[in-house]
Amino acid sequence: MAQKTSRIRTVHFINKKGRREILCSLKNPSARRSPLKHSPFAIAIAIAMETGRTVKDVSPHEFVKAYAAHLKRSGKMELPHWTDIVKTARFKELAPYDPDWYYIRAASMARKIYLRHGIGVGGFQKIYGGRRRNGSCPPHFCKSSGAVARHILQQLQKMDIIDIDPKGGRLLTSQGRRDLDQVAGRVLVVP
């Protein structure tokens, strides 16, 4: 099992006798002090384990906020003219109060595709759906807007973050996975 130390910038492994061995140092990756021979692939995995964080390692709320800010800052996503007046679902009464709701929804959808590829417009309608109040009648589940989900997926596809899955739905491209992991690496993890 690898133990990670962030101050020393070395990767330690526990050998069979229970002793700590230094696999690799980030300051000098070629300076291995371990008596065992490790492949370059094992060294790369160990370094990535110490420095890298993925979307699964950080808080979903913090990641979505950070990735929404990244999307807004990049300027590649163009907002439609109807973002300030549209409702996000039939069961909503008003449009969202947050002026950046479009970026937040896009970041949330990109995270959902990262975690579970193959989600399409119908899947996002169910994910972002909610309770429709029917006045004096009992409430029932209602799907969210398909146009909003479709437009965001088209924008993410234009930015080359996602692509169409041949089996159905959408999947993340390698560039999209790299971008999401880079943003996740910048999110602070509070123990």
Protein backbone atom coordinates (compact mmCIF):
# COMPACT_ATOMS: atom_id res chain seq x y z
CA MET A 1 0.00 0.00 0.00
CA ALA A 2 1.39 3.40 -0.91
CA GLN A 3 1.68 6.05 1.75
CA LYS A 4 1.71 9.61 0.52
CA THR A 5 3.70 12.41 2.07
CA SER A 6 3.19 15.85 0.61
CA ARG A 7 5.92 17.81 2.42
CA ILE A 8 8.87 15.58 1.61
CA ARG A 9 7.63 14.86 -1.91
CA THR A 10 8.59 11.21 -1.84
CA VAL A 11 6.55 8.10 -2.35
CA HIS A 12 6.97 5.34 0.24
CA PHE A 13 6.05 1.69 0.02
CA ILE A 14 5.89 -0.85 2.81
CA ASN A 15 7.84 -3.99 1.90
CA LYS A 16 7.05 -7.56 2.95
CA LYS A 17 9.08 -7.23 6.17
CA GLY A 18 7.10 -4.15 7.20
CA ARG A 19 9.90 -1.68 6.51
CA ARG A 20 9.32 1.60 4.72
CA GLU A 21 11.12 1.90 1.40
CA ILE A 22 11.42 5.01 -0.74
CA LEU A 23 10.25 4.29 -4.24
CA CYS A 24 10.84 7.65 -5.87
CA SER A 25 11.39 11.30 -5.03
CA LEU A 26 9.65 14.02 -7.02
CA LYS A 27 12.67 16.31 -6.80
CA ASN A 28 14.90 13.69 -8.37
CA PRO A 29 12.81 10.89 -9.95
CA SER A 30 15.84 8.89 -11.02
CA ALA A 31 17.22 8.70 -7.46
CA ARG A 32 15.62 5.50 -6.25
CA ARG A 33 16.82 4.25 -2.92
CA SER A 34 14.74 1.11 -2.94
CA PRO A 35 16.57 -2.21 -3.30
CA LEU A 36 13.68 -3.45 -5.45
CA LYS A 37 13.59 -2.84 -9.19
CA HIS A 38 10.48 -0.87 -10.15
CA SER A 39 9.29 -0.27 -13.67
CA PRO A 40 8.95 3.29 -15.01
CA PHE A 41 5.19 2.71 -15.19
CA ALA A 42 5.07 1.94 -11.45
CA ILE A 43 7.04 5.11 -10.74
CA ALA A 44 4.67 7.19 -12.89
CA ILE A 45 1.65 5.69 -11.11
CA ALA A 46 3.21 6.39 -7.72
CA ILE A 47 3.95 10.02 -8.62
CA ALA A 48 0.42 10.48 -9.96
CA MET A 49 -0.96 8.97 -6.76
CA GLU A 50 0.89 11.53 -4.70
CA THR A 51 0.30 14.69 -6.69
CA GLY A 52 -2.86 14.04 -8.69
CA ARG A 53 -6.45 14.17 -7.63
CA THR A 54 -9.39 13.15 -9.71
CA VAL A 55 -13.00 14.28 -9.69
CA LYS A 56 -13.86 11.37 -7.39
CA ASP A 57 -11.40 12.59 -4.73
CA VAL A 58 -12.87 16.05 -4.12
CA SER A 59 -16.16 17.37 -2.80
CA PRO A 60 -18.82 17.49 -5.54
CA HIS A 61 -20.04 20.93 -4.48
CA GLU A 62 -16.55 22.45 -4.47
CA PHE A 63 -15.67 20.82 -7.78
CA VAL A 64 -18.81 22.07 -9.53
CA LYS A 65 -18.16 25.62 -8.30
CA ALA A 66 -14.53 25.48 -9.46
CA TYR A 67 -15.34 23.97 -12.85
CA ALA A 68 -18.16 26.46 -13.44
CA ALA A 69 -15.70 29.28 -12.77
CA HIS A 70 -13.25 27.62 -15.16
CA LEU A 71 -15.89 27.41 -17.90
CA LYS A 72 -16.85 31.04 -17.41
CA ARG A 73 -13.22 32.16 -17.38
CA SER A 74 -12.32 30.21 -20.52
CA GLY A 75 -14.93 32.04 -22.63
CA LYS A 76 -15.39 29.07 -24.98
CA MET A 77 -18.96 28.42 -23.90
CA GLU A 78 -21.41 30.85 -25.46
CA LEU A 79 -24.57 31.54 -23.52
CA PRO A 80 -27.90 31.51 -25.33
CA HIS A 81 -29.95 34.71 -25.24
CA TRP A 82 -32.71 33.05 -23.20
CA THR A 83 -30.67 32.18 -20.08
CA ASP A 84 -32.12 35.01 -17.98
CA ILE A 85 -35.80 34.24 -18.69
CA VAL A 86 -36.06 30.46 -19.10
CA LYS A 87 -37.30 28.05 -16.45
CA THR A 88 -35.23 24.90 -16.04
CA ALA A 89 -38.28 22.64 -15.68
CA ARG A 90 -42.06 22.58 -16.03
CA PHE A 91 -42.55 22.31 -12.29
CA LYS A 92 -40.51 25.45 -11.55
CA GLU A 93 -42.30 28.73 -10.98
CA LEU A 94 -39.43 31.14 -11.70
CA ALA A 95 -36.18 31.30 -13.62
CA PRO A 96 -32.98 30.68 -11.59
CA TYR A 97 -31.84 33.60 -9.44
CA ASP A 98 -28.12 32.94 -10.01
CA PRO A 99 -26.93 34.63 -13.23
CA ASP A 100 -24.25 31.91 -13.63
CA TRP A 101 -26.70 29.00 -13.41
CA TYR A 102 -25.89 27.88 -16.95
CA TYR A 103 -22.20 27.36 -16.14
CA ILE A 104 -23.09 25.56 -12.90
CA ARG A 105 -25.46 23.20 -14.72
CA ALA A 106 -22.83 22.55 -17.42
CA ALA A 107 -20.19 21.76 -14.78
CA SER A 108 -22.59 19.46 -12.98
CA MET A 109 -23.47 17.66 -16.21
CA ALA A 110 -19.80 17.23 -17.13
CA ARG A 111 -19.17 15.73 -13.68
CA LYS A 112 -22.10 13.33 -14.10
CA ILE A 113 -20.73 12.16 -17.46
CA TYR A 114 -17.28 11.72 -15.86
CA LEU A 115 -18.73 9.46 -13.19
CA ARG A 116 -21.24 7.58 -15.34
CA HIS A 117 -20.78 7.78 -19.11
CA GLY A 118 -23.63 6.96 -21.43
CA ILE A 119 -26.10 9.49 -20.03
CA GLY A 120 -28.20 11.27 -22.63
CA VAL A 121 -30.76 14.04 -22.63
CA GLY A 122 -33.47 11.81 -21.16
CA GLY A 123 -31.19 10.74 -18.33
CA PHE A 124 -30.41 14.34 -17.46
CA GLN A 125 -34.11 15.16 -17.52
CA LYS A 126 -34.64 12.53 -14.83
CA ILE A 127 -31.57 13.58 -12.80
CA TYR A 128 -32.58 17.25 -12.65
CA GLY A 129 -36.31 16.55 -12.36
CA GLY A 130 -38.28 17.09 -9.19
CA ARG A 131 -41.64 17.27 -7.51
CA ARG A 132 -44.47 18.97 -9.36
CA ARG A 133 -47.02 20.50 -7.04
CA ASN A 134 -50.52 20.01 -8.36
CA GLY A 135 -52.41 22.35 -6.06
CA SER A 136 -54.92 20.34 -4.05
CA CYS A 137 -54.00 17.13 -5.91
CA PRO A 138 -51.07 14.98 -4.78
CA PRO A 139 -47.62 15.91 -6.11
CA HIS A 140 -45.90 13.76 -8.73
CA PHE A 141 -42.44 13.52 -10.24
CA CYS A 142 -41.82 15.69 -13.29
CA LYS A 143 -38.82 15.76 -15.63
CA SER A 144 -36.70 18.86 -16.18
CA SER A 145 -36.32 20.72 -19.47
CA GLY A 146 -34.82 18.73 -22.32
CA ALA A 147 -33.90 21.85 -24.30
CA VAL A 148 -31.56 23.12 -21.57
CA ALA A 149 -29.85 19.74 -21.25
CA ARG A 150 -29.56 19.36 -25.03
CA HIS A 151 -28.09 22.84 -25.47
CA ILE A 152 -25.51 22.32 -22.70
CA LEU A 153 -24.49 18.94 -24.16
CA GLN A 154 -24.07 20.56 -27.58
CA GLN A 155 -21.91 23.31 -26.06
CA LEU A 156 -19.74 20.78 -24.20
CA GLN A 157 -19.39 18.77 -27.40
CA LYS A 158 -18.37 21.89 -29.33
CA MET A 159 -15.69 22.53 -26.68
CA ASP A 160 -14.44 18.91 -27.20
CA ILE A 161 -15.11 17.93 -23.59
CA ILE A 162 -17.66 15.24 -24.43
CA ASP A 163 -18.48 13.18 -27.49
CA ILE A 164 -21.37 11.00 -28.63
CA ASP A 165 -21.16 7.42 -27.40
CA PRO A 166 -21.86 4.87 -30.17
CA LYS A 167 -23.81 2.79 -27.62
CA GLY A 168 -26.00 5.78 -26.76
CA GLY A 169 -25.65 8.90 -24.65
CA ARG A 170 -22.47 10.89 -24.20
CA LEU A 171 -18.96 10.06 -23.02
CA LEU A 172 -15.98 12.13 -21.93
CA THR A 173 -13.09 12.68 -24.33
CA SER A 174 -9.49 12.36 -23.17
CA GLN A 175 -9.09 16.14 -23.27
CA GLY A 176 -12.27 16.56 -21.23
CA ARG A 177 -11.10 14.03 -18.63
CA ARG A 178 -7.75 15.84 -18.41
CA ASP A 179 -9.45 19.24 -17.96
CA LEU A 180 -11.77 17.95 -15.24
CA ASP A 181 -8.88 16.28 -13.39
CA GLN A 182 -6.79 19.47 -13.61
CA VAL A 183 -9.60 21.50 -12.07
CA ALA A 184 -10.07 18.80 -9.41
CA GLY A 185 -6.35 19.07 -8.60
CA ARG A 186 -6.77 22.77 -7.87
CA VAL A 187 -9.70 22.23 -5.49
CA LEU A 188 -8.67 22.31 -1.84
CA VAL A 189 -9.33 19.11 0.07
CA VAL A 190 -10.22 19.73 3.70
CA PRO A 191 -9.59 16.66 5.90
